[in-house]
Amino acid sequence: MTDTSTVTDGATELQSKKKQRFEIVAAVLLGLATVAIAWGSYQANLWGGLQDKALTESARLSTDAASEYAEAGAIISLDQTLFVEVVLQLKQPGADEDAALDTVDFITTNMSEEGETAVNEWFDNDLDFPFTDAYYQSFYAVGDETIEASDAKFEEGSTNNTTGDKYVLVSTILASVLFFAGISTVLQTDRVKRVLLGGGALLWIGAAIYIATLPIASL
């Protein structure tokens, strides 16, 4: 009886130690998963903020570009209207040439610097038309650069959104780790418990490796 009782007590003690070790491992896994989820959620929120900031800046730049294009269009329209007046003065039949030239000089001084230069070159070199692609580009270049900056900010916002989504995905995977580790502690079948805990551990390792490859946002 004594030997049997000793063996039984030893087996019970061994079983108790195995259960204790298992619960410690499960608790550690639960802690690691919780910390990783907190980190993933924190990063997802930061990347969401960066996304909003980039998209807001993109919208502002787009509005600025529209204003710059509108201003350029108004200047070009004025230059072209005044150029018509120049042509009318030069083509006016029977007009005094000196007086016409004086009027042309007065009209061109009311043009933009680019427009005045273009018309003077047209007049001096007998060109077909003063307003070349270079003339138009001199006004639209600023708007084009602003649009490019707006597009770049929009792309940055899209990238930030994608990164935030990746952190959300990792956090979701880690939530399943909490489920597997937690339920493994309440089941009675050792094999099922080990499978669940082992599966949770593998998921945590995979998620940890993946989250380590993601860029980190900071305040």
N, C-alpha and C. Protein backbone atom coordinates (compact mmCIF):
# COMPACT_ATOMS: atom_id res chain seq x y z
N MET A 1 0.83 -1.21 0.00
CA MET A 1 0.00 0.00 0.00
C MET A 1 0.87 1.25 0.00
N THR A 2 1.93 1.22 0.79
CA THR A 2 2.80 2.38 0.88
C THR A 2 3.45 2.69 -0.44
N ASP A 3 3.97 1.66 -1.13
CA ASP A 3 4.63 1.86 -2.43
C ASP A 3 3.65 2.40 -3.46
N THR A 4 2.44 1.86 -3.46
CA THR A 4 1.43 2.31 -4.42
C THR A 4 1.06 3.76 -4.17
N SER A 5 0.94 4.12 -2.90
CA SER A 5 0.59 5.51 -2.54
C SER A 5 1.70 6.46 -2.93
N THR A 6 2.94 6.02 -2.76
CA THR A 6 4.08 6.87 -3.12
C THR A 6 4.11 7.12 -4.63
N VAL A 7 3.88 6.07 -5.38
CA VAL A 7 3.88 6.20 -6.85
C VAL A 7 2.76 7.12 -7.29
N THR A 8 1.60 6.95 -6.65
CA THR A 8 0.45 7.78 -7.01
C THR A 8 0.72 9.24 -6.70
N ASP A 9 1.30 9.48 -5.52
CA ASP A 9 1.63 10.86 -5.14
C ASP A 9 2.64 11.46 -6.10
N GLY A 10 3.64 10.63 -6.50
CA GLY A 10 4.66 11.12 -7.44
C GLY A 10 4.06 11.46 -8.79
N ALA A 11 3.16 10.62 -9.26
CA ALA A 11 2.50 10.87 -10.55
C ALA A 11 1.64 12.12 -10.49
N THR A 12 0.96 12.26 -9.34
CA THR A 12 0.11 13.45 -9.17
C THR A 12 0.94 14.73 -9.15
N GLU A 13 2.09 14.64 -8.44
CA GLU A 13 2.97 15.81 -8.36
C GLU A 13 3.54 16.15 -9.73
N LEU A 14 3.93 15.11 -10.49
CA LEU A 14 4.46 15.33 -11.85
C LEU A 14 3.40 15.95 -12.75
N GLN A 15 2.19 15.44 -12.64
CA GLN A 15 1.09 15.98 -13.44
C GLN A 15 0.82 17.43 -13.07
N SER A 16 0.92 17.73 -11.77
CA SER A 16 0.69 19.09 -11.30
C SER A 16 1.76 20.04 -11.84
N LYS A 17 3.03 19.57 -11.86
CA LYS A 17 4.12 20.41 -12.38
C LYS A 17 3.96 20.65 -13.87
N LYS A 18 3.54 19.62 -14.62
CA LYS A 18 3.31 19.78 -16.06
C LYS A 18 2.21 20.81 -16.32
N LYS A 19 1.15 20.70 -15.51
CA LYS A 19 0.04 21.63 -15.66
C LYS A 19 0.49 23.05 -15.34
N GLN A 20 1.32 23.17 -14.32
CA GLN A 20 1.81 24.49 -13.92
C GLN A 20 2.68 25.10 -15.02
N ARG A 21 3.58 24.26 -15.58
CA ARG A 21 4.44 24.75 -16.66
C ARG A 21 3.60 25.16 -17.87
N PHE A 22 2.61 24.34 -18.17
CA PHE A 22 1.74 24.64 -19.31
C PHE A 22 1.04 25.98 -19.10
N GLU A 23 0.54 26.19 -17.89
CA GLU A 23 -0.18 27.44 -17.61
C GLU A 23 0.76 28.64 -17.66
N ILE A 24 2.03 28.42 -17.24
CA ILE A 24 3.01 29.51 -17.32
C ILE A 24 3.28 29.88 -18.78
N VAL A 25 3.47 28.86 -19.60
CA VAL A 25 3.70 29.11 -21.03
C VAL A 25 2.50 29.82 -21.65
N ALA A 26 1.31 29.36 -21.31
CA ALA A 26 0.10 29.99 -21.84
C ALA A 26 -0.02 31.44 -21.39
N ALA A 27 0.32 31.69 -20.11
CA ALA A 27 0.25 33.04 -19.58
C ALA A 27 1.26 33.96 -20.29
N VAL A 28 2.48 33.43 -20.50
CA VAL A 28 3.51 34.21 -21.21
C VAL A 28 3.05 34.53 -22.63
N LEU A 29 2.47 33.53 -23.30
CA LEU A 29 1.99 33.75 -24.67
C LEU A 29 0.86 34.78 -24.69
N LEU A 30 -0.04 34.68 -23.70
CA LEU A 30 -1.11 35.67 -23.60
C LEU A 30 -0.55 37.08 -23.40
N GLY A 31 0.47 37.19 -22.56
CA GLY A 31 1.09 38.50 -22.30
C GLY A 31 1.76 39.05 -23.55
N LEU A 32 2.52 38.20 -24.24
CA LEU A 32 3.21 38.65 -25.45
C LEU A 32 2.21 39.07 -26.53
N ALA A 33 1.14 38.30 -26.67
CA ALA A 33 0.12 38.64 -27.67
C ALA A 33 -0.57 39.95 -27.32
N THR A 34 -0.84 40.15 -26.03
CA THR A 34 -1.49 41.39 -25.60
C THR A 34 -0.62 42.61 -25.89
N VAL A 35 0.67 42.48 -25.57
CA VAL A 35 1.60 43.59 -25.85
C VAL A 35 1.69 43.86 -27.34
N ALA A 36 1.77 42.81 -28.14
CA ALA A 36 1.85 42.97 -29.59
C ALA A 36 0.59 43.61 -30.15
N ILE A 37 -0.56 43.22 -29.63
CA ILE A 37 -1.82 43.82 -30.09
C ILE A 37 -1.86 45.31 -29.74
N ALA A 38 -1.41 45.64 -28.53
CA ALA A 38 -1.38 47.05 -28.13
C ALA A 38 -0.48 47.86 -29.05
N TRP A 39 0.70 47.27 -29.37
CA TRP A 39 1.64 47.95 -30.28
C TRP A 39 1.02 48.11 -31.67
N GLY A 40 0.40 47.06 -32.17
CA GLY A 40 -0.22 47.11 -33.49
C GLY A 40 -1.34 48.14 -33.56
N SER A 41 -2.15 48.20 -32.51
CA SER A 41 -3.24 49.17 -32.47
C SER A 41 -2.70 50.59 -32.40
N TYR A 42 -1.65 50.78 -31.61
CA TYR A 42 -1.02 52.10 -31.49
C TYR A 42 -0.47 52.55 -32.84
N GLN A 43 0.24 51.66 -33.52
CA GLN A 43 0.79 52.00 -34.82
C GLN A 43 -0.30 52.25 -35.86
N ALA A 44 -1.36 51.45 -35.82
CA ALA A 44 -2.47 51.64 -36.76
C ALA A 44 -3.09 53.02 -36.59
N ASN A 45 -3.24 53.46 -35.34
CA ASN A 45 -3.79 54.79 -35.08
C ASN A 45 -2.86 55.89 -35.57
N LEU A 46 -1.56 55.70 -35.34
CA LEU A 46 -0.59 56.70 -35.81
C LEU A 46 -0.59 56.80 -37.33
N TRP A 47 -0.59 55.65 -38.00
CA TRP A 47 -0.59 55.67 -39.46
C TRP A 47 -1.89 56.24 -39.99
N GLY A 48 -3.00 56.02 -39.29
CA GLY A 48 -4.26 56.64 -39.69
C GLY A 48 -4.18 58.16 -39.60
N GLY A 49 -3.53 58.65 -38.55
CA GLY A 49 -3.34 60.10 -38.43
C GLY A 49 -2.45 60.66 -39.52
N LEU A 50 -1.39 59.93 -39.84
CA LEU A 50 -0.49 60.37 -40.92
C LEU A 50 -1.21 60.35 -42.26
N GLN A 51 -2.09 59.36 -42.44
CA GLN A 51 -2.88 59.31 -43.68
C GLN A 51 -3.76 60.55 -43.80
N ASP A 52 -4.48 60.88 -42.73
CA ASP A 52 -5.36 62.06 -42.75
C ASP A 52 -4.56 63.33 -43.01
N LYS A 53 -3.39 63.42 -42.39
CA LYS A 53 -2.55 64.61 -42.57
C LYS A 53 -2.11 64.75 -44.01
N ALA A 54 -1.67 63.63 -44.61
CA ALA A 54 -1.19 63.66 -46.00
C ALA A 54 -2.33 63.99 -46.96
N LEU A 55 -3.51 63.40 -46.74
CA LEU A 55 -4.64 63.65 -47.64
C LEU A 55 -5.14 65.08 -47.50
N THR A 56 -5.10 65.62 -46.28
CA THR A 56 -5.49 67.02 -46.09
C THR A 56 -4.53 67.95 -46.81
N GLU A 57 -3.24 67.65 -46.72
CA GLU A 57 -2.24 68.45 -47.42
C GLU A 57 -2.40 68.33 -48.93
N SER A 58 -2.74 67.13 -49.40
CA SER A 58 -2.98 66.92 -50.83
C SER A 58 -4.15 67.78 -51.31
N ALA A 59 -5.22 67.80 -50.53
CA ALA A 59 -6.39 68.61 -50.90
C ALA A 59 -6.05 70.10 -50.91
N ARG A 60 -5.26 70.53 -49.93
CA ARG A 60 -4.87 71.95 -49.87
C ARG A 60 -4.03 72.32 -51.09
N LEU A 61 -3.07 71.46 -51.43
CA LEU A 61 -2.23 71.73 -52.59
C LEU A 61 -3.04 71.73 -53.88
N SER A 62 -4.01 70.84 -53.96
CA SER A 62 -4.88 70.79 -55.14
C SER A 62 -5.66 72.10 -55.28
N THR A 63 -6.16 72.62 -54.16
CA THR A 63 -6.86 73.90 -54.18
C THR A 63 -5.93 75.03 -54.59
N ASP A 64 -4.71 75.00 -54.06
CA ASP A 64 -3.72 76.02 -54.44
C ASP A 64 -3.42 75.95 -55.94
N ALA A 65 -3.30 74.74 -56.46
CA ALA A 65 -3.01 74.58 -57.89
C ALA A 65 -4.15 75.14 -58.73
N ALA A 66 -5.40 74.89 -58.31
CA ALA A 66 -6.54 75.43 -59.04
C ALA A 66 -6.51 76.95 -59.06
N SER A 67 -6.14 77.55 -57.93
CA SER A 67 -6.04 79.01 -57.86
C SER A 67 -4.92 79.52 -58.76
N GLU A 68 -3.80 78.79 -58.77
CA GLU A 68 -2.67 79.20 -59.61
C GLU A 68 -3.02 79.08 -61.09
N TYR A 69 -3.74 78.02 -61.46
CA TYR A 69 -4.17 77.87 -62.85
C TYR A 69 -5.16 78.98 -63.24
N ALA A 70 -6.07 79.30 -62.33
CA ALA A 70 -7.05 80.35 -62.61
C ALA A 70 -6.37 81.69 -62.79
N GLU A 71 -5.40 81.98 -61.93
CA GLU A 71 -4.65 83.23 -62.05
C GLU A 71 -3.87 83.28 -63.35
N ALA A 72 -3.24 82.16 -63.70
CA ALA A 72 -2.49 82.09 -64.95
C ALA A 72 -3.40 82.30 -66.15
N GLY A 73 -4.59 81.67 -66.08
CA GLY A 73 -5.55 81.82 -67.18
C GLY A 73 -6.01 83.26 -67.35
N ALA A 74 -6.21 83.94 -66.23
CA ALA A 74 -6.64 85.34 -66.29
C ALA A 74 -5.56 86.22 -66.91
N ILE A 75 -4.31 86.01 -66.54
CA ILE A 75 -3.20 86.79 -67.09
C ILE A 75 -3.06 86.52 -68.59
N ILE A 76 -3.13 85.24 -68.96
CA ILE A 76 -3.01 84.88 -70.38
C ILE A 76 -4.14 85.50 -71.18
N SER A 77 -5.36 85.46 -70.64
CA SER A 77 -6.51 86.04 -71.32
C SER A 77 -6.33 87.54 -71.53
N LEU A 78 -5.80 88.23 -70.50
CA LEU A 78 -5.56 89.67 -70.63
C LEU A 78 -4.48 89.95 -71.68
N ASP A 79 -3.40 89.16 -71.63
CA ASP A 79 -2.33 89.34 -72.62
C ASP A 79 -2.86 89.18 -74.04
N GLN A 80 -3.69 88.16 -74.24
CA GLN A 80 -4.21 87.89 -75.58
C GLN A 80 -5.18 88.98 -76.03
N THR A 81 -5.98 89.49 -75.09
CA THR A 81 -6.90 90.58 -75.42
C THR A 81 -6.14 91.83 -75.82
N LEU A 82 -5.09 92.14 -75.06
CA LEU A 82 -4.28 93.31 -75.38
C LEU A 82 -3.50 93.11 -76.69
N PHE A 83 -3.13 91.85 -76.96
CA PHE A 83 -2.44 91.57 -78.22
C PHE A 83 -3.36 91.86 -79.41
N VAL A 84 -4.64 91.54 -79.27
CA VAL A 84 -5.60 91.85 -80.33
C VAL A 84 -5.63 93.36 -80.57
N GLU A 85 -5.58 94.13 -79.47
CA GLU A 85 -5.56 95.58 -79.61
C GLU A 85 -4.29 96.04 -80.31
N VAL A 86 -3.19 95.38 -80.02
CA VAL A 86 -1.93 95.71 -80.69
C VAL A 86 -2.05 95.50 -82.19
N VAL A 87 -2.60 94.36 -82.57
CA VAL A 87 -2.76 94.04 -83.98
C VAL A 87 -3.68 95.06 -84.66
N LEU A 88 -4.76 95.42 -83.98
CA LEU A 88 -5.69 96.40 -84.55
C LEU A 88 -5.02 97.75 -84.75
N GLN A 89 -4.17 98.13 -83.82
CA GLN A 89 -3.46 99.40 -83.96
C GLN A 89 -2.48 99.35 -85.13
N LEU A 90 -1.80 98.24 -85.28
CA LEU A 90 -0.81 98.13 -86.35
C LEU A 90 -1.45 97.98 -87.72
N LYS A 91 -2.63 97.40 -87.78
CA LYS A 91 -3.30 97.14 -89.05
C LYS A 91 -4.32 98.21 -89.41
N GLN A 92 -4.47 99.20 -88.53
CA GLN A 92 -5.48 100.22 -88.77
C GLN A 92 -5.11 101.03 -90.01
N PRO A 93 -5.98 101.04 -91.03
CA PRO A 93 -5.66 101.76 -92.27
C PRO A 93 -5.65 103.28 -92.09
N GLY A 94 -4.64 103.88 -92.66
CA GLY A 94 -4.54 105.34 -92.64
C GLY A 94 -4.09 105.92 -91.33
N ALA A 95 -3.70 105.08 -90.38
CA ALA A 95 -3.28 105.58 -89.06
C ALA A 95 -1.86 106.11 -89.12
N ASP A 96 -1.59 107.07 -88.26
CA ASP A 96 -0.23 107.59 -88.15
C ASP A 96 0.65 106.52 -87.52
N GLU A 97 1.74 106.18 -88.22
CA GLU A 97 2.57 105.06 -87.76
C GLU A 97 3.20 105.33 -86.40
N ASP A 98 3.73 106.55 -86.22
CA ASP A 98 4.37 106.88 -84.94
C ASP A 98 3.36 106.83 -83.80
N ALA A 99 2.16 107.37 -84.07
CA ALA A 99 1.13 107.37 -83.03
C ALA A 99 0.69 105.95 -82.72
N ALA A 100 0.61 105.13 -83.78
CA ALA A 100 0.22 103.73 -83.58
C ALA A 100 1.25 102.99 -82.74
N LEU A 101 2.52 103.24 -83.04
CA LEU A 101 3.59 102.58 -82.28
C LEU A 101 3.59 103.03 -80.82
N ASP A 102 3.32 104.32 -80.62
CA ASP A 102 3.23 104.81 -79.24
C ASP A 102 2.09 104.12 -78.49
N THR A 103 0.98 103.94 -79.18
CA THR A 103 -0.17 103.26 -78.57
C THR A 103 0.16 101.80 -78.28
N VAL A 104 0.87 101.17 -79.23
CA VAL A 104 1.28 99.78 -79.03
C VAL A 104 2.19 99.67 -77.81
N ASP A 105 3.13 100.60 -77.70
CA ASP A 105 4.03 100.58 -76.54
C ASP A 105 3.24 100.72 -75.25
N PHE A 106 2.23 101.57 -75.25
CA PHE A 106 1.41 101.75 -74.06
C PHE A 106 0.62 100.48 -73.73
N ILE A 107 0.09 99.86 -74.78
CA ILE A 107 -0.70 98.64 -74.56
C ILE A 107 0.18 97.53 -74.00
N THR A 108 1.37 97.35 -74.56
CA THR A 108 2.23 96.25 -74.13
C THR A 108 2.73 96.44 -72.70
N THR A 109 2.84 97.69 -72.25
CA THR A 109 3.28 97.91 -70.86
C THR A 109 2.23 97.44 -69.85
N ASN A 110 0.99 97.27 -70.33
CA ASN A 110 -0.07 96.76 -69.46
C ASN A 110 -0.17 95.24 -69.48
N MET A 111 0.67 94.61 -70.31
CA MET A 111 0.72 93.16 -70.34
C MET A 111 1.60 92.64 -69.20
N SER A 112 1.55 91.36 -69.03
CA SER A 112 2.50 90.73 -68.11
C SER A 112 3.90 90.84 -68.70
N GLU A 113 4.90 90.66 -67.86
CA GLU A 113 6.27 90.73 -68.34
C GLU A 113 6.52 89.71 -69.45
N GLU A 114 5.97 88.49 -69.25
CA GLU A 114 6.13 87.44 -70.26
C GLU A 114 5.39 87.79 -71.55
N GLY A 115 4.19 88.37 -71.39
CA GLY A 115 3.42 88.74 -72.57
C GLY A 115 4.08 89.86 -73.35
N GLU A 116 4.60 90.85 -72.65
CA GLU A 116 5.29 91.96 -73.32
C GLU A 116 6.51 91.46 -74.08
N THR A 117 7.27 90.57 -73.44
CA THR A 117 8.45 90.02 -74.10
C THR A 117 8.06 89.24 -75.35
N ALA A 118 6.99 88.44 -75.23
CA ALA A 118 6.54 87.62 -76.35
C ALA A 118 6.08 88.49 -77.52
N VAL A 119 5.33 89.55 -77.23
CA VAL A 119 4.83 90.43 -78.29
C VAL A 119 5.98 91.20 -78.94
N ASN A 120 6.93 91.64 -78.14
CA ASN A 120 8.09 92.35 -78.71
C ASN A 120 8.89 91.44 -79.63
N GLU A 121 9.07 90.20 -79.22
CA GLU A 121 9.77 89.24 -80.08
C GLU A 121 8.97 88.97 -81.36
N TRP A 122 7.67 88.89 -81.22
CA TRP A 122 6.80 88.70 -82.39
C TRP A 122 6.93 89.85 -83.37
N PHE A 123 6.95 91.06 -82.80
CA PHE A 123 7.04 92.25 -83.65
C PHE A 123 8.42 92.37 -84.28
N ASP A 124 9.47 92.15 -83.51
CA ASP A 124 10.84 92.33 -84.02
C ASP A 124 11.22 91.26 -85.03
N ASN A 125 10.72 90.03 -84.84
CA ASN A 125 11.15 88.91 -85.69
C ASN A 125 10.09 88.47 -86.69
N ASP A 126 8.99 89.25 -86.77
CA ASP A 126 7.92 88.96 -87.72
C ASP A 126 7.44 87.50 -87.59
N LEU A 127 7.15 87.10 -86.36
CA LEU A 127 6.68 85.74 -86.11
C LEU A 127 5.20 85.62 -86.44
N ASP A 128 4.74 84.38 -86.62
CA ASP A 128 3.33 84.16 -86.93
C ASP A 128 2.43 84.45 -85.72
N PHE A 129 2.92 84.06 -84.53
CA PHE A 129 2.10 84.20 -83.33
C PHE A 129 3.02 84.34 -82.13
N PRO A 130 2.75 85.27 -81.23
CA PRO A 130 3.70 85.51 -80.13
C PRO A 130 3.64 84.49 -78.99
N PHE A 131 2.48 83.88 -78.80
CA PHE A 131 2.29 83.06 -77.61
C PHE A 131 2.65 81.60 -77.89
N THR A 132 3.87 81.23 -77.54
CA THR A 132 4.39 79.90 -77.78
C THR A 132 4.13 79.00 -76.58
N ASP A 133 4.53 77.74 -76.73
CA ASP A 133 4.39 76.79 -75.61
C ASP A 133 5.20 77.25 -74.41
N ALA A 134 6.36 77.84 -74.68
CA ALA A 134 7.20 78.33 -73.58
C ALA A 134 6.49 79.44 -72.81
N TYR A 135 5.76 80.28 -73.54
CA TYR A 135 5.00 81.35 -72.88
C TYR A 135 3.95 80.76 -71.94
N TYR A 136 3.16 79.81 -72.45
CA TYR A 136 2.12 79.20 -71.62
C TYR A 136 2.73 78.46 -70.42
N GLN A 137 3.83 77.76 -70.68
CA GLN A 137 4.45 76.99 -69.62
C GLN A 137 4.99 77.88 -68.50
N SER A 138 5.40 79.10 -68.87
CA SER A 138 5.92 80.02 -67.85
C SER A 138 4.85 80.36 -66.81
N PHE A 139 3.58 80.29 -67.20
CA PHE A 139 2.49 80.57 -66.25
C PHE A 139 1.98 79.30 -65.56
N TYR A 140 1.96 78.21 -66.32
CA TYR A 140 1.38 76.98 -65.78
C TYR A 140 2.39 76.13 -65.00
N ALA A 141 3.67 76.48 -65.06
CA ALA A 141 4.70 75.66 -64.41
C ALA A 141 4.47 75.55 -62.90
N VAL A 142 4.12 76.68 -62.28
CA VAL A 142 3.91 76.67 -60.82
C VAL A 142 2.73 75.77 -60.47
N GLY A 143 1.64 75.88 -61.23
CA GLY A 143 0.49 75.03 -60.99
C GLY A 143 0.80 73.56 -61.21
N ASP A 144 1.61 73.27 -62.26
CA ASP A 144 2.00 71.88 -62.52
C ASP A 144 2.81 71.31 -61.37
N GLU A 145 3.73 72.12 -60.85
CA GLU A 145 4.55 71.66 -59.71
C GLU A 145 3.67 71.42 -58.48
N THR A 146 2.70 72.30 -58.27
CA THR A 146 1.81 72.14 -57.11
C THR A 146 0.95 70.89 -57.26
N ILE A 147 0.49 70.61 -58.47
CA ILE A 147 -0.30 69.40 -58.71
C ILE A 147 0.55 68.16 -58.47
N GLU A 148 1.80 68.20 -58.91
CA GLU A 148 2.70 67.06 -58.68
C GLU A 148 2.90 66.84 -57.18
N ALA A 149 3.06 67.94 -56.44
CA ALA A 149 3.20 67.83 -54.98
C ALA A 149 1.93 67.27 -54.35
N SER A 150 0.77 67.69 -54.88
CA SER A 150 -0.51 67.18 -54.38
C SER A 150 -0.63 65.68 -54.64
N ASP A 151 -0.25 65.26 -55.85
CA ASP A 151 -0.30 63.83 -56.18
C ASP A 151 0.63 63.02 -55.29
N ALA A 152 1.80 63.59 -55.01
CA ALA A 152 2.76 62.89 -54.15
C ALA A 152 2.20 62.73 -52.74
N LYS A 153 1.54 63.77 -52.23
CA LYS A 153 0.93 63.69 -50.90
C LYS A 153 -0.22 62.69 -50.88
N PHE A 154 -0.98 62.64 -51.97
CA PHE A 154 -2.08 61.67 -52.05
C PHE A 154 -1.53 60.25 -52.04
N GLU A 155 -0.45 60.04 -52.78
CA GLU A 155 0.17 58.72 -52.80
C GLU A 155 0.74 58.37 -51.43
N GLU A 156 1.29 59.37 -50.75
CA GLU A 156 1.80 59.15 -49.39
C GLU A 156 0.66 58.75 -48.46
N GLY A 157 -0.48 59.42 -48.60
CA GLY A 157 -1.64 59.08 -47.78
C GLY A 157 -2.13 57.66 -48.04
N SER A 158 -2.12 57.25 -49.32
CA SER A 158 -2.54 55.89 -49.66
C SER A 158 -1.58 54.86 -49.06
N THR A 159 -0.28 55.18 -49.12
CA THR A 159 0.73 54.27 -48.53
C THR A 159 0.54 54.17 -47.02
N ASN A 160 0.30 55.30 -46.38
CA ASN A 160 0.07 55.30 -44.93
C ASN A 160 -1.17 54.47 -44.57
N ASN A 161 -2.21 54.59 -45.40
CA ASN A 161 -3.43 53.81 -45.17
C ASN A 161 -3.15 52.31 -45.28
N THR A 162 -2.38 51.93 -46.28
CA THR A 162 -2.04 50.52 -46.47
C THR A 162 -1.23 49.99 -45.28
N THR A 163 -0.28 50.80 -44.81
CA THR A 163 0.53 50.39 -43.67
C THR A 163 -0.34 50.22 -42.42
N GLY A 164 -1.26 51.17 -42.20
CA GLY A 164 -2.17 51.06 -41.06
C GLY A 164 -3.03 49.82 -41.15
N ASP A 165 -3.48 49.49 -42.36
CA ASP A 165 -4.29 48.28 -42.56
C ASP A 165 -3.49 47.02 -42.22
N LYS A 166 -2.21 47.04 -42.54
CA LYS A 166 -1.36 45.88 -42.23
C LYS A 166 -1.25 45.69 -40.72
N TYR A 167 -1.12 46.79 -39.99
CA TYR A 167 -1.07 46.69 -38.53
C TYR A 167 -2.39 46.18 -37.97
N VAL A 168 -3.50 46.60 -38.57
CA VAL A 168 -4.81 46.10 -38.13
C VAL A 168 -4.91 44.60 -38.39
N LEU A 169 -4.42 44.16 -39.55
CA LEU A 169 -4.43 42.74 -39.88
C LEU A 169 -3.62 41.93 -38.87
N VAL A 170 -2.44 42.42 -38.54
CA VAL A 170 -1.60 41.72 -37.57
C VAL A 170 -2.29 41.65 -36.21
N SER A 171 -2.91 42.75 -35.81
CA SER A 171 -3.62 42.77 -34.52
C SER A 171 -4.76 41.76 -34.51
N THR A 172 -5.44 41.60 -35.65
CA THR A 172 -6.51 40.62 -35.75
C THR A 172 -5.98 39.20 -35.60
N ILE A 173 -4.85 38.94 -36.25
CA ILE A 173 -4.23 37.61 -36.13
C ILE A 173 -3.81 37.34 -34.69
N LEU A 174 -3.25 38.37 -34.06
CA LEU A 174 -2.82 38.21 -32.67
C LEU A 174 -4.00 38.00 -31.73
N ALA A 175 -5.16 38.53 -32.08
CA ALA A 175 -6.35 38.29 -31.26
C ALA A 175 -6.71 36.81 -31.25
N SER A 176 -6.45 36.13 -32.37
CA SER A 176 -6.71 34.69 -32.41
C SER A 176 -5.72 33.94 -31.52
N VAL A 177 -4.52 34.51 -31.35
CA VAL A 177 -3.55 33.92 -30.43
C VAL A 177 -4.10 33.95 -29.01
N LEU A 178 -4.71 35.07 -28.64
CA LEU A 178 -5.33 35.17 -27.32
C LEU A 178 -6.40 34.09 -27.14
N PHE A 179 -7.17 33.87 -28.19
CA PHE A 179 -8.22 32.86 -28.12
C PHE A 179 -7.63 31.47 -27.92
N PHE A 180 -6.65 31.10 -28.73
CA PHE A 180 -6.06 29.77 -28.63
C PHE A 180 -5.38 29.55 -27.29
N ALA A 181 -4.60 30.56 -26.87
CA ALA A 181 -3.89 30.40 -25.60
C ALA A 181 -4.86 30.37 -24.42
N GLY A 182 -5.89 31.19 -24.48
CA GLY A 182 -6.84 31.24 -23.38
C GLY A 182 -7.67 29.97 -23.26
N ILE A 183 -8.17 29.47 -24.39
CA ILE A 183 -9.02 28.28 -24.34
C ILE A 183 -8.21 27.03 -24.00
N SER A 184 -6.92 27.05 -24.31
CA SER A 184 -6.11 25.86 -24.02
C SER A 184 -5.97 25.62 -22.53
N THR A 185 -6.16 26.65 -21.72
CA THR A 185 -5.99 26.50 -20.27
C THR A 185 -7.23 25.92 -19.59
N VAL A 186 -8.34 25.87 -20.29
CA VAL A 186 -9.57 25.39 -19.66
C VAL A 186 -10.00 24.02 -20.18
N LEU A 187 -9.33 23.54 -21.21
CA LEU A 187 -9.68 22.23 -21.74
C LEU A 187 -9.04 21.13 -20.90
N GLN A 188 -9.59 19.93 -20.99
CA GLN A 188 -9.10 18.82 -20.19
C GLN A 188 -8.19 17.88 -20.99
N THR A 189 -8.38 17.80 -22.27
CA THR A 189 -7.60 16.88 -23.10
C THR A 189 -6.22 17.47 -23.38
N ASP A 190 -5.18 16.77 -22.90
CA ASP A 190 -3.82 17.30 -23.02
C ASP A 190 -3.42 17.50 -24.47
N ARG A 191 -3.76 16.58 -25.33
CA ARG A 191 -3.35 16.68 -26.73
C ARG A 191 -3.96 17.92 -27.40
N VAL A 192 -5.24 18.13 -27.16
CA VAL A 192 -5.91 19.30 -27.74
C VAL A 192 -5.32 20.59 -27.17
N LYS A 193 -5.05 20.57 -25.88
CA LYS A 193 -4.46 21.75 -25.24
C LYS A 193 -3.11 22.10 -25.86
N ARG A 194 -2.27 21.07 -26.08
CA ARG A 194 -0.95 21.31 -26.66
C ARG A 194 -1.05 21.80 -28.10
N VAL A 195 -1.99 21.23 -28.84
CA VAL A 195 -2.17 21.65 -30.23
C VAL A 195 -2.60 23.11 -30.29
N LEU A 196 -3.56 23.48 -29.46
CA LEU A 196 -4.04 24.86 -29.46
C LEU A 196 -2.94 25.84 -29.04
N LEU A 197 -2.23 25.48 -27.97
CA LEU A 197 -1.17 26.37 -27.50
C LEU A 197 -0.04 26.46 -28.52
N GLY A 198 0.31 25.31 -29.11
CA GLY A 198 1.35 25.32 -30.14
C GLY A 198 0.94 26.12 -31.36
N GLY A 199 -0.34 25.98 -31.77
CA GLY A 199 -0.83 26.77 -32.90
C GLY A 199 -0.81 28.26 -32.60
N GLY A 200 -1.20 28.60 -31.38
CA GLY A 200 -1.15 30.00 -30.98
C GLY A 200 0.27 30.55 -30.98
N ALA A 201 1.21 29.73 -30.50
CA ALA A 201 2.61 30.15 -30.47
C ALA A 201 3.15 30.37 -31.88
N LEU A 202 2.80 29.48 -32.80
CA LEU A 202 3.24 29.63 -34.19
C LEU A 202 2.65 30.90 -34.82
N LEU A 203 1.38 31.14 -34.53
CA LEU A 203 0.75 32.35 -35.05
C LEU A 203 1.44 33.59 -34.50
N TRP A 204 1.77 33.57 -33.22
CA TRP A 204 2.44 34.71 -32.61
C TRP A 204 3.81 34.94 -33.23
N ILE A 205 4.55 33.87 -33.44
CA ILE A 205 5.89 34.00 -34.05
C ILE A 205 5.77 34.59 -35.46
N GLY A 206 4.82 34.05 -36.25
CA GLY A 206 4.63 34.57 -37.60
C GLY A 206 4.22 36.03 -37.60
N ALA A 207 3.29 36.39 -36.70
CA ALA A 207 2.85 37.78 -36.61
C ALA A 207 3.97 38.69 -36.15
N ALA A 208 4.78 38.22 -35.20
CA ALA A 208 5.89 39.03 -34.69
C ALA A 208 6.93 39.28 -35.78
N ILE A 209 7.22 38.25 -36.58
CA ILE A 209 8.17 38.42 -37.68
C ILE A 209 7.62 39.42 -38.69
N TYR A 210 6.33 39.30 -39.01
CA TYR A 210 5.73 40.19 -40.00
C TYR A 210 5.69 41.63 -39.50
N ILE A 211 5.30 41.81 -38.24
CA ILE A 211 5.18 43.17 -37.71
C ILE A 211 6.54 43.85 -37.61
N ALA A 212 7.60 43.02 -37.48
CA ALA A 212 8.96 43.58 -37.43
C ALA A 212 9.40 44.15 -38.77
N THR A 213 8.76 43.71 -39.86
CA THR A 213 9.10 44.21 -41.19
C THR A 213 8.36 45.49 -41.55
N LEU A 214 7.35 45.88 -40.76
CA LEU A 214 6.56 47.05 -41.06
C LEU A 214 7.25 48.33 -40.60
N PRO A 215 7.07 49.43 -41.34
CA PRO A 215 7.65 50.71 -40.90
C PRO A 215 6.99 51.18 -39.61
N ILE A 216 7.74 51.96 -38.84
CA ILE A 216 7.26 52.43 -37.55
C ILE A 216 6.99 53.92 -37.63
N ALA A 217 5.77 54.30 -37.22
CA ALA A 217 5.41 55.72 -37.17
C ALA A 217 5.71 56.26 -35.78
N SER A 218 5.97 57.56 -35.72
CA SER A 218 6.25 58.20 -34.43
C SER A 218 5.50 59.51 -34.36
N LEU A 219 5.28 59.98 -33.15
CA LEU A 219 4.57 61.25 -32.96
C LEU A 219 5.43 62.42 -33.38
